[in-house]
N, C-alpha and C. Protein backbone atom coordinates (compact mmCIF):
# COMPACT_ATOMS: atom_id res chain seq x y z
N MET A 1 -7.57 21.73 3.41
CA MET A 1 -7.58 21.35 4.80
C MET A 1 -6.57 20.23 5.00
N ARG A 2 -5.67 20.35 5.93
CA ARG A 2 -4.68 19.34 6.21
C ARG A 2 -4.55 19.22 7.72
N SER A 3 -4.80 18.02 8.24
CA SER A 3 -4.66 17.81 9.67
C SER A 3 -3.89 16.53 9.90
N SER A 4 -3.17 16.45 10.97
CA SER A 4 -2.40 15.25 11.29
C SER A 4 -2.71 14.86 12.73
N PHE A 5 -2.81 13.52 12.96
CA PHE A 5 -3.02 13.05 14.31
C PHE A 5 -2.56 11.60 14.39
N PHE A 6 -2.19 11.16 15.59
CA PHE A 6 -1.75 9.80 15.79
C PHE A 6 -2.95 8.88 15.95
N VAL A 7 -2.82 7.65 15.43
CA VAL A 7 -3.88 6.66 15.55
C VAL A 7 -3.28 5.37 16.07
N ILE A 8 -3.90 4.25 15.76
CA ILE A 8 -3.52 2.93 16.26
C ILE A 8 -2.01 2.68 16.21
N LEU A 9 -1.39 2.97 15.09
CA LEU A 9 0.04 2.72 14.94
C LEU A 9 0.81 3.95 15.38
N PRO A 10 1.77 3.81 16.28
CA PRO A 10 2.50 4.98 16.76
C PRO A 10 3.38 5.61 15.69
N PHE A 11 3.65 4.90 14.59
CA PHE A 11 4.52 5.46 13.57
C PHE A 11 3.75 5.94 12.35
N VAL A 12 2.44 6.11 12.46
CA VAL A 12 1.62 6.55 11.34
C VAL A 12 0.93 7.87 11.70
N LEU A 13 1.04 8.85 10.84
CA LEU A 13 0.32 10.10 10.98
C LEU A 13 -0.74 10.17 9.90
N PHE A 14 -1.88 10.79 10.20
CA PHE A 14 -2.96 10.91 9.23
C PHE A 14 -3.15 12.34 8.80
N SER A 15 -3.46 12.52 7.54
CA SER A 15 -3.89 13.82 7.04
C SER A 15 -4.86 13.57 5.89
N ALA A 16 -5.62 14.58 5.57
CA ALA A 16 -6.59 14.45 4.48
C ALA A 16 -6.13 15.26 3.29
N VAL A 17 -6.23 14.67 2.10
CA VAL A 17 -5.88 15.36 0.87
C VAL A 17 -6.92 15.03 -0.19
N VAL A 18 -7.08 15.92 -1.12
CA VAL A 18 -7.97 15.65 -2.24
C VAL A 18 -7.14 14.93 -3.28
N ALA A 19 -7.60 13.75 -3.66
CA ALA A 19 -6.89 12.96 -4.67
C ALA A 19 -7.89 12.07 -5.36
N SER A 20 -7.59 11.71 -6.57
CA SER A 20 -8.46 10.77 -7.27
C SER A 20 -7.60 9.64 -7.81
N PRO A 21 -7.98 8.38 -7.51
CA PRO A 21 -7.22 7.25 -8.00
C PRO A 21 -7.35 7.10 -9.51
N LEU A 22 -6.51 6.27 -10.08
CA LEU A 22 -6.53 5.99 -11.52
C LEU A 22 -7.79 5.22 -11.88
N ALA A 23 -7.92 4.88 -13.13
CA ALA A 23 -9.08 4.13 -13.60
C ALA A 23 -9.25 2.84 -12.79
N ALA A 24 -10.49 2.41 -12.65
CA ALA A 24 -10.80 1.21 -11.88
C ALA A 24 -9.96 0.03 -12.37
N GLY A 25 -9.44 -0.72 -11.42
CA GLY A 25 -8.67 -1.91 -11.74
C GLY A 25 -7.19 -1.66 -11.95
N THR A 26 -6.75 -0.41 -12.03
CA THR A 26 -5.34 -0.13 -12.23
C THR A 26 -4.77 0.66 -11.06
N VAL A 27 -3.47 0.53 -10.87
CA VAL A 27 -2.79 1.29 -9.83
C VAL A 27 -1.76 2.24 -10.41
N CYS A 28 -1.50 2.11 -11.71
CA CYS A 28 -0.53 3.00 -12.35
C CYS A 28 -0.84 3.10 -13.84
N GLU A 29 -0.31 4.11 -14.49
CA GLU A 29 -0.53 4.29 -15.93
C GLU A 29 0.13 3.15 -16.70
N GLY A 30 -0.61 2.53 -17.60
CA GLY A 30 -0.06 1.46 -18.43
C GLY A 30 0.22 0.18 -17.68
N GLN A 31 -0.44 -0.05 -16.56
CA GLN A 31 -0.17 -1.22 -15.72
C GLN A 31 -0.26 -2.52 -16.50
N VAL A 32 0.73 -3.40 -16.30
CA VAL A 32 0.74 -4.73 -16.87
C VAL A 32 1.04 -5.71 -15.74
N THR A 33 0.24 -6.76 -15.58
CA THR A 33 0.49 -7.76 -14.56
C THR A 33 1.56 -8.73 -15.06
N VAL A 34 2.64 -8.87 -14.28
CA VAL A 34 3.76 -9.73 -14.64
C VAL A 34 3.56 -11.14 -14.06
N ALA A 35 3.02 -11.21 -12.84
CA ALA A 35 2.79 -12.50 -12.18
C ALA A 35 1.55 -12.38 -11.32
N GLU A 36 0.87 -13.49 -11.13
CA GLU A 36 -0.36 -13.51 -10.33
C GLU A 36 -0.41 -14.77 -9.50
N SER A 37 -0.87 -14.64 -8.24
CA SER A 37 -1.06 -15.79 -7.36
C SER A 37 -2.13 -15.44 -6.34
N PHE A 38 -2.41 -16.37 -5.43
CA PHE A 38 -3.39 -16.14 -4.38
C PHE A 38 -2.78 -16.51 -3.05
N ILE A 39 -3.09 -15.72 -1.99
CA ILE A 39 -2.54 -15.98 -0.68
C ILE A 39 -3.65 -16.03 0.36
N GLY A 40 -3.25 -16.38 1.59
CA GLY A 40 -4.17 -16.44 2.72
C GLY A 40 -4.58 -17.86 3.00
N LYS A 41 -5.14 -18.06 4.16
CA LYS A 41 -5.57 -19.39 4.58
C LYS A 41 -6.52 -20.02 3.56
N ASP A 42 -7.45 -19.22 3.03
CA ASP A 42 -8.41 -19.71 2.05
C ASP A 42 -7.98 -19.45 0.60
N ARG A 43 -6.78 -18.91 0.41
CA ARG A 43 -6.27 -18.58 -0.92
C ARG A 43 -7.27 -17.71 -1.69
N ASN A 44 -7.81 -16.68 -1.01
CA ASN A 44 -8.85 -15.85 -1.62
C ASN A 44 -8.40 -14.41 -1.88
N VAL A 45 -7.14 -14.10 -1.59
CA VAL A 45 -6.63 -12.76 -1.86
C VAL A 45 -5.70 -12.82 -3.06
N LYS A 46 -6.06 -12.10 -4.09
CA LYS A 46 -5.28 -12.08 -5.33
C LYS A 46 -4.06 -11.18 -5.16
N VAL A 47 -2.89 -11.69 -5.56
CA VAL A 47 -1.64 -10.93 -5.50
C VAL A 47 -1.08 -10.82 -6.92
N GLU A 48 -0.75 -9.59 -7.31
CA GLU A 48 -0.16 -9.36 -8.63
C GLU A 48 1.16 -8.61 -8.47
N VAL A 49 2.14 -8.99 -9.25
CA VAL A 49 3.33 -8.16 -9.41
C VAL A 49 3.07 -7.38 -10.69
N ALA A 50 3.05 -6.06 -10.55
CA ALA A 50 2.68 -5.21 -11.68
C ALA A 50 3.87 -4.41 -12.17
N THR A 51 3.92 -4.22 -13.47
CA THR A 51 4.90 -3.33 -14.05
C THR A 51 4.17 -2.05 -14.42
N CYS A 52 4.83 -0.94 -14.18
CA CYS A 52 4.22 0.37 -14.40
C CYS A 52 5.10 1.17 -15.36
N PRO A 53 5.01 0.90 -16.67
CA PRO A 53 5.90 1.56 -17.62
C PRO A 53 5.74 3.07 -17.69
N GLY A 54 4.59 3.59 -17.25
CA GLY A 54 4.40 5.03 -17.27
C GLY A 54 5.01 5.74 -16.07
N THR A 55 5.61 4.97 -15.14
CA THR A 55 6.18 5.54 -13.93
C THR A 55 7.69 5.69 -14.08
N THR A 56 8.19 6.85 -13.74
CA THR A 56 9.63 7.05 -13.74
C THR A 56 10.05 7.49 -12.35
N LEU A 57 11.15 6.94 -11.90
CA LEU A 57 11.70 7.29 -10.60
C LEU A 57 12.88 8.22 -10.79
N GLN A 58 12.91 9.27 -10.01
CA GLN A 58 14.02 10.21 -10.08
C GLN A 58 15.16 9.72 -9.19
N PRO A 59 16.41 9.87 -9.64
CA PRO A 59 17.54 9.44 -8.82
C PRO A 59 17.56 10.20 -7.50
N ARG A 60 17.80 9.44 -6.44
CA ARG A 60 17.94 10.05 -5.13
C ARG A 60 19.22 9.49 -4.53
N SER A 61 20.35 10.08 -4.88
CA SER A 61 21.64 9.55 -4.47
C SER A 61 21.76 9.45 -2.96
N ALA A 62 21.06 10.29 -2.21
CA ALA A 62 21.14 10.22 -0.76
C ALA A 62 20.55 8.92 -0.23
N LEU A 63 19.66 8.28 -0.99
CA LEU A 63 19.04 7.05 -0.54
C LEU A 63 19.79 5.79 -0.96
N GLU A 64 20.67 5.90 -1.94
CA GLU A 64 21.30 4.72 -2.50
C GLU A 64 22.08 3.90 -1.48
N SER A 65 22.72 4.53 -0.52
CA SER A 65 23.56 3.81 0.42
C SER A 65 22.81 3.36 1.67
N ARG A 66 21.54 3.71 1.80
CA ARG A 66 20.78 3.34 2.99
C ARG A 66 20.39 1.88 2.98
N GLN A 67 20.11 1.37 4.17
CA GLN A 67 19.66 0.00 4.33
C GLN A 67 18.35 -0.20 3.57
N THR A 68 18.15 -1.39 2.99
CA THR A 68 16.96 -1.63 2.18
C THR A 68 15.79 -2.16 2.99
N ASN A 69 15.99 -2.62 4.23
CA ASN A 69 14.88 -3.12 5.03
C ASN A 69 14.11 -1.93 5.58
N LEU A 70 12.89 -1.73 5.09
CA LEU A 70 12.09 -0.56 5.45
C LEU A 70 10.98 -0.87 6.44
N CYS A 71 11.01 -2.04 7.09
CA CYS A 71 9.91 -2.47 7.95
C CYS A 71 9.52 -1.45 9.02
N ALA A 72 10.46 -0.83 9.65
CA ALA A 72 10.15 0.08 10.75
C ALA A 72 10.09 1.54 10.32
N LEU A 73 10.21 1.81 9.03
CA LEU A 73 10.19 3.18 8.54
C LEU A 73 8.79 3.78 8.66
N ALA A 74 8.68 4.88 9.35
CA ALA A 74 7.38 5.53 9.57
C ALA A 74 6.79 6.04 8.26
N CYS A 75 5.46 6.18 8.26
CA CYS A 75 4.79 6.72 7.08
C CYS A 75 3.68 7.67 7.52
N ASN A 76 3.33 8.56 6.63
CA ASN A 76 2.27 9.54 6.85
C ASN A 76 1.06 9.15 6.01
N THR A 77 -0.10 9.08 6.64
CA THR A 77 -1.31 8.64 5.95
C THR A 77 -2.10 9.83 5.42
N ASN A 78 -2.56 9.69 4.20
CA ASN A 78 -3.39 10.69 3.52
C ASN A 78 -4.71 10.04 3.16
N CYS A 79 -5.81 10.65 3.56
CA CYS A 79 -7.13 10.16 3.19
C CYS A 79 -7.59 10.91 1.96
N PHE A 80 -8.18 10.20 0.99
CA PHE A 80 -8.63 10.80 -0.25
C PHE A 80 -10.04 11.37 -0.07
N LEU A 81 -10.19 12.66 -0.32
CA LEU A 81 -11.46 13.35 -0.20
C LEU A 81 -12.12 13.47 -1.56
N PRO A 82 -13.40 13.57 -1.66
CA PRO A 82 -14.42 13.51 -0.62
C PRO A 82 -14.87 12.08 -0.39
N ALA A 83 -15.88 11.91 0.44
CA ALA A 83 -16.41 10.59 0.78
C ALA A 83 -17.09 9.96 -0.44
N GLY A 84 -17.18 8.63 -0.40
CA GLY A 84 -17.91 7.89 -1.43
C GLY A 84 -17.01 7.06 -2.30
N GLY A 85 -17.40 5.81 -2.48
CA GLY A 85 -16.69 4.95 -3.41
C GLY A 85 -15.45 4.27 -2.87
N GLY A 86 -15.22 4.33 -1.57
CA GLY A 86 -14.05 3.70 -0.99
C GLY A 86 -14.23 2.20 -0.79
N PRO A 87 -13.16 1.53 -0.41
CA PRO A 87 -13.25 0.08 -0.17
C PRO A 87 -13.94 -0.21 1.15
N ASP A 88 -14.53 -1.39 1.26
CA ASP A 88 -15.09 -1.85 2.52
C ASP A 88 -13.91 -2.21 3.43
N PRO A 89 -13.77 -1.54 4.58
CA PRO A 89 -12.63 -1.82 5.44
C PRO A 89 -12.59 -3.25 5.94
N ASN A 90 -13.75 -3.90 6.05
CA ASN A 90 -13.76 -5.30 6.46
C ASN A 90 -13.16 -6.19 5.38
N GLU A 91 -13.35 -5.82 4.12
CA GLU A 91 -12.74 -6.59 3.03
C GLU A 91 -11.24 -6.31 2.95
N CYS A 92 -10.83 -5.09 3.29
CA CYS A 92 -9.39 -4.80 3.38
C CYS A 92 -8.77 -5.61 4.51
N HIS A 93 -9.54 -5.83 5.58
CA HIS A 93 -9.03 -6.62 6.70
C HIS A 93 -8.77 -8.07 6.28
N VAL A 94 -9.52 -8.58 5.32
CA VAL A 94 -9.26 -9.93 4.79
C VAL A 94 -7.86 -9.97 4.17
N ILE A 95 -7.50 -8.92 3.43
CA ILE A 95 -6.15 -8.84 2.85
C ILE A 95 -5.12 -8.78 3.98
N ALA A 96 -5.38 -7.95 4.99
CA ALA A 96 -4.45 -7.82 6.12
C ALA A 96 -4.27 -9.18 6.81
N ASP A 97 -5.36 -9.91 7.01
CA ASP A 97 -5.25 -11.24 7.63
C ASP A 97 -4.47 -12.20 6.75
N ALA A 98 -4.64 -12.12 5.43
CA ALA A 98 -3.89 -12.97 4.51
C ALA A 98 -2.39 -12.65 4.60
N LEU A 99 -2.06 -11.37 4.72
CA LEU A 99 -0.64 -10.98 4.88
C LEU A 99 -0.08 -11.55 6.18
N ARG A 100 -0.85 -11.49 7.26
CA ARG A 100 -0.40 -12.05 8.54
C ARG A 100 -0.24 -13.56 8.45
N TYR A 101 -1.16 -14.23 7.77
CA TYR A 101 -1.09 -15.67 7.58
C TYR A 101 0.18 -16.04 6.81
N GLU A 102 0.44 -15.32 5.72
CA GLU A 102 1.64 -15.59 4.93
C GLU A 102 2.90 -15.31 5.73
N SER A 103 2.86 -14.29 6.59
CA SER A 103 4.01 -13.98 7.43
C SER A 103 4.36 -15.15 8.33
N GLU A 104 3.34 -15.78 8.89
CA GLU A 104 3.55 -16.92 9.78
C GLU A 104 3.93 -18.19 9.03
N ASN A 105 3.47 -18.33 7.79
CA ASN A 105 3.64 -19.60 7.08
C ASN A 105 4.68 -19.60 5.98
N THR A 106 5.01 -18.43 5.40
CA THR A 106 6.03 -18.41 4.35
C THR A 106 7.18 -17.48 4.66
N GLY A 107 7.03 -16.62 5.66
CA GLY A 107 8.11 -15.72 6.05
C GLY A 107 7.62 -14.30 6.24
N ALA A 108 8.27 -13.61 7.14
CA ALA A 108 7.84 -12.26 7.54
C ALA A 108 8.16 -11.20 6.48
N LEU A 109 9.19 -11.43 5.68
CA LEU A 109 9.68 -10.40 4.77
C LEU A 109 9.34 -10.70 3.31
N PHE A 110 9.20 -9.64 2.52
CA PHE A 110 9.08 -9.79 1.07
C PHE A 110 9.92 -8.70 0.41
N GLN A 111 10.30 -8.92 -0.84
CA GLN A 111 11.11 -7.96 -1.59
C GLN A 111 10.28 -7.33 -2.70
N VAL A 112 10.59 -6.08 -2.98
CA VAL A 112 9.94 -5.38 -4.09
C VAL A 112 11.04 -4.78 -4.95
N GLY A 113 10.99 -5.08 -6.24
CA GLY A 113 12.01 -4.62 -7.17
C GLY A 113 11.93 -3.14 -7.47
N THR A 114 12.67 -2.75 -8.48
CA THR A 114 12.79 -1.33 -8.84
C THR A 114 12.28 -1.09 -10.25
N GLY A 115 12.39 0.16 -10.67
CA GLY A 115 12.01 0.53 -12.03
C GLY A 115 10.56 0.27 -12.29
N THR A 116 10.26 -0.39 -13.39
CA THR A 116 8.86 -0.62 -13.74
C THR A 116 8.27 -1.81 -12.99
N ASN A 117 9.08 -2.68 -12.37
CA ASN A 117 8.57 -3.81 -11.60
C ASN A 117 8.59 -3.49 -10.11
N ASN A 118 8.01 -2.35 -9.76
CA ASN A 118 8.12 -1.86 -8.39
C ASN A 118 6.81 -1.91 -7.60
N THR A 119 5.83 -2.67 -8.06
CA THR A 119 4.51 -2.63 -7.44
C THR A 119 3.97 -4.03 -7.17
N ILE A 120 3.44 -4.24 -5.96
CA ILE A 120 2.71 -5.46 -5.61
C ILE A 120 1.29 -5.05 -5.28
N VAL A 121 0.32 -5.72 -5.91
CA VAL A 121 -1.09 -5.38 -5.77
C VAL A 121 -1.83 -6.56 -5.15
N MET A 122 -2.68 -6.28 -4.16
CA MET A 122 -3.51 -7.31 -3.54
C MET A 122 -4.97 -6.87 -3.62
N THR A 123 -5.83 -7.82 -4.00
CA THR A 123 -7.25 -7.50 -4.18
C THR A 123 -8.12 -8.55 -3.51
N TYR A 124 -9.13 -8.07 -2.79
CA TYR A 124 -10.18 -8.93 -2.27
C TYR A 124 -11.49 -8.15 -2.35
N ARG A 125 -12.40 -8.63 -3.15
CA ARG A 125 -13.70 -7.99 -3.37
C ARG A 125 -13.55 -6.50 -3.64
N SER A 126 -14.08 -5.62 -2.76
CA SER A 126 -14.06 -4.18 -3.05
C SER A 126 -12.73 -3.52 -2.71
N CYS A 127 -11.83 -4.25 -2.07
CA CYS A 127 -10.58 -3.63 -1.60
C CYS A 127 -9.39 -3.99 -2.47
N LYS A 128 -8.66 -2.97 -2.86
CA LYS A 128 -7.40 -3.14 -3.58
C LYS A 128 -6.34 -2.40 -2.77
N SER A 129 -5.27 -3.09 -2.44
CA SER A 129 -4.15 -2.46 -1.72
C SER A 129 -2.89 -2.72 -2.52
N PHE A 130 -2.01 -1.73 -2.55
CA PHE A 130 -0.76 -1.96 -3.24
C PHE A 130 0.41 -1.30 -2.53
N PHE A 131 1.56 -1.92 -2.71
CA PHE A 131 2.82 -1.45 -2.16
C PHE A 131 3.66 -1.01 -3.35
N VAL A 132 4.12 0.24 -3.32
CA VAL A 132 4.94 0.77 -4.41
C VAL A 132 6.31 1.15 -3.86
N ASN A 133 7.34 0.55 -4.44
CA ASN A 133 8.73 0.87 -4.10
C ASN A 133 9.14 2.09 -4.92
N GLN A 134 9.41 3.20 -4.25
CA GLN A 134 9.86 4.41 -4.92
C GLN A 134 11.35 4.64 -4.73
N ASP A 135 12.03 3.67 -4.12
CA ASP A 135 13.47 3.76 -3.88
C ASP A 135 14.21 3.39 -5.16
N PHE A 136 15.50 3.63 -5.16
CA PHE A 136 16.33 3.33 -6.32
C PHE A 136 16.79 1.87 -6.36
N GLY A 137 16.68 1.18 -5.24
CA GLY A 137 17.09 -0.22 -5.17
C GLY A 137 15.96 -1.09 -4.68
N THR A 138 16.17 -2.40 -4.75
CA THR A 138 15.20 -3.35 -4.23
C THR A 138 15.05 -3.14 -2.73
N VAL A 139 13.82 -3.18 -2.25
CA VAL A 139 13.57 -2.99 -0.82
C VAL A 139 12.96 -4.24 -0.22
N VAL A 140 13.11 -4.37 1.09
CA VAL A 140 12.54 -5.45 1.86
C VAL A 140 11.55 -4.82 2.82
N PHE A 141 10.37 -5.45 2.95
CA PHE A 141 9.34 -4.92 3.84
C PHE A 141 8.70 -6.09 4.58
N CYS A 142 8.07 -5.81 5.70
CA CYS A 142 7.41 -6.83 6.52
C CYS A 142 5.93 -6.96 6.18
N ARG A 143 5.50 -8.19 5.99
CA ARG A 143 4.09 -8.44 5.69
C ARG A 143 3.19 -7.91 6.82
N THR A 144 3.61 -8.09 8.07
CA THR A 144 2.78 -7.65 9.19
C THR A 144 2.68 -6.12 9.24
N ASN A 145 3.74 -5.42 8.85
CA ASN A 145 3.66 -3.96 8.80
C ASN A 145 2.66 -3.51 7.73
N TRP A 146 2.71 -4.15 6.55
CA TRP A 146 1.74 -3.83 5.50
C TRP A 146 0.33 -4.07 6.04
N ALA A 147 0.11 -5.22 6.71
CA ALA A 147 -1.20 -5.54 7.25
C ALA A 147 -1.68 -4.47 8.24
N ASP A 148 -0.81 -4.06 9.14
CA ASP A 148 -1.18 -3.06 10.14
C ASP A 148 -1.51 -1.72 9.49
N ILE A 149 -0.69 -1.32 8.52
CA ILE A 149 -0.93 -0.05 7.82
C ILE A 149 -2.23 -0.12 7.03
N LEU A 150 -2.47 -1.23 6.35
CA LEU A 150 -3.70 -1.39 5.57
C LEU A 150 -4.92 -1.30 6.47
N ASP A 151 -4.91 -2.01 7.58
CA ASP A 151 -6.04 -1.94 8.52
C ASP A 151 -6.27 -0.50 8.98
N SER A 152 -5.20 0.18 9.31
CA SER A 152 -5.31 1.55 9.80
C SER A 152 -5.88 2.49 8.74
N VAL A 153 -5.34 2.43 7.53
CA VAL A 153 -5.81 3.31 6.45
C VAL A 153 -7.26 2.98 6.10
N ALA A 154 -7.58 1.70 5.94
CA ALA A 154 -8.92 1.30 5.51
C ALA A 154 -9.99 1.71 6.52
N PHE A 155 -9.70 1.58 7.80
CA PHE A 155 -10.70 1.89 8.81
C PHE A 155 -10.76 3.38 9.14
N ASN A 156 -9.69 4.12 8.88
CA ASN A 156 -9.65 5.55 9.23
C ASN A 156 -9.83 6.49 8.05
N CYS A 157 -9.94 5.95 6.83
CA CYS A 157 -10.13 6.78 5.64
C CYS A 157 -11.36 6.31 4.87
N GLN A 158 -12.51 6.45 5.49
CA GLN A 158 -13.76 6.05 4.86
C GLN A 158 -14.79 7.16 5.01
N ALA A 159 -16.03 6.89 4.60
CA ALA A 159 -17.09 7.91 4.56
C ALA A 159 -17.24 8.72 5.85
N PRO A 160 -17.21 8.09 7.06
CA PRO A 160 -17.35 8.91 8.27
C PRO A 160 -16.26 9.97 8.42
N GLN A 161 -15.13 9.76 7.79
CA GLN A 161 -14.05 10.75 7.81
C GLN A 161 -14.07 11.60 6.53
N ASN A 162 -15.18 11.54 5.78
CA ASN A 162 -15.32 12.25 4.50
C ASN A 162 -14.24 11.82 3.50
N ALA A 163 -13.94 10.52 3.47
CA ALA A 163 -12.88 10.02 2.59
C ALA A 163 -13.35 8.79 1.81
N HIS A 164 -12.55 8.39 0.83
CA HIS A 164 -12.81 7.18 0.04
C HIS A 164 -11.51 6.40 -0.19
N GLY A 165 -10.86 6.03 0.90
CA GLY A 165 -9.58 5.33 0.82
C GLY A 165 -8.45 6.30 1.09
N GLY A 166 -7.23 5.79 0.98
CA GLY A 166 -6.08 6.63 1.22
C GLY A 166 -4.79 5.87 1.05
N ASN A 167 -3.70 6.51 1.45
CA ASN A 167 -2.40 5.85 1.39
C ASN A 167 -1.54 6.26 2.57
N CYS A 168 -0.43 5.57 2.72
CA CYS A 168 0.54 5.89 3.75
C CYS A 168 1.89 5.97 3.04
N VAL A 169 2.48 7.16 3.02
CA VAL A 169 3.73 7.42 2.29
C VAL A 169 4.88 7.50 3.29
N ALA A 170 5.93 6.75 3.02
CA ALA A 170 7.10 6.77 3.91
C ALA A 170 7.57 8.20 4.12
N THR A 171 8.01 8.50 5.33
CA THR A 171 8.44 9.86 5.63
C THR A 171 9.56 10.33 4.72
N ASP A 172 10.35 9.40 4.19
CA ASP A 172 11.41 9.79 3.25
C ASP A 172 11.04 9.46 1.80
N GLN A 173 9.76 9.14 1.55
CA GLN A 173 9.21 8.91 0.21
C GLN A 173 9.69 7.62 -0.46
N ARG A 174 10.29 6.69 0.28
CA ARG A 174 10.85 5.48 -0.34
C ARG A 174 9.79 4.45 -0.73
N TYR A 175 8.61 4.50 -0.13
CA TYR A 175 7.54 3.58 -0.49
C TYR A 175 6.21 4.22 -0.14
N PHE A 176 5.13 3.65 -0.68
CA PHE A 176 3.80 3.96 -0.16
C PHE A 176 2.91 2.73 -0.28
N ILE A 177 1.94 2.68 0.61
CA ILE A 177 0.93 1.61 0.64
C ILE A 177 -0.42 2.31 0.49
N GLN A 178 -1.24 1.82 -0.43
CA GLN A 178 -2.51 2.48 -0.70
C GLN A 178 -3.66 1.49 -0.53
N ALA A 179 -4.82 2.02 -0.12
CA ALA A 179 -6.07 1.25 -0.05
C ALA A 179 -7.10 2.03 -0.85
N GLN A 180 -7.71 1.36 -1.82
CA GLN A 180 -8.73 2.00 -2.65
C GLN A 180 -9.74 0.96 -3.08
N HIS A 181 -10.82 1.42 -3.69
CA HIS A 181 -11.84 0.52 -4.21
C HIS A 181 -11.27 -0.21 -5.42
N SER A 182 -11.55 -1.51 -5.50
CA SER A 182 -11.00 -2.30 -6.63
C SER A 182 -11.78 -2.09 -7.89
């Protein structure tokens, strides 16, 4: 079953897919945390820069010359079926608020590297969200866009929708943002 519809964000489409996340606590095969810090007004959201040695990116020469700022790039949301075991959307909203706080206090943009250092992970209680750069070069993204996408995925991909989290994949596959149980 695959359906698409517009929701809160005009640049986000939703669909449902059957998928199962990796083992609890990880976002990729062989994940290693390279750096760790805490963000938000209360410094209660854990941020990790993760290396994913089991991940390989295929060359996409058509993308190499494109602009690296992906803030306005649309994405398609996929909800993971079936229901059960997803993150509490209110706890995901704490991460979204921390991203908005950091946007106002440290800057709107952040960079994500390439290769095995292509993942940023944020965790608060039951919610784990991560941004994965699938492009061939370093990308720049907006903290507020991540926050908006996270809120949308977390609130629209839960048990009432027969889901347990989901992700939003850039229309050209250059990045994805995921919300899952931590």
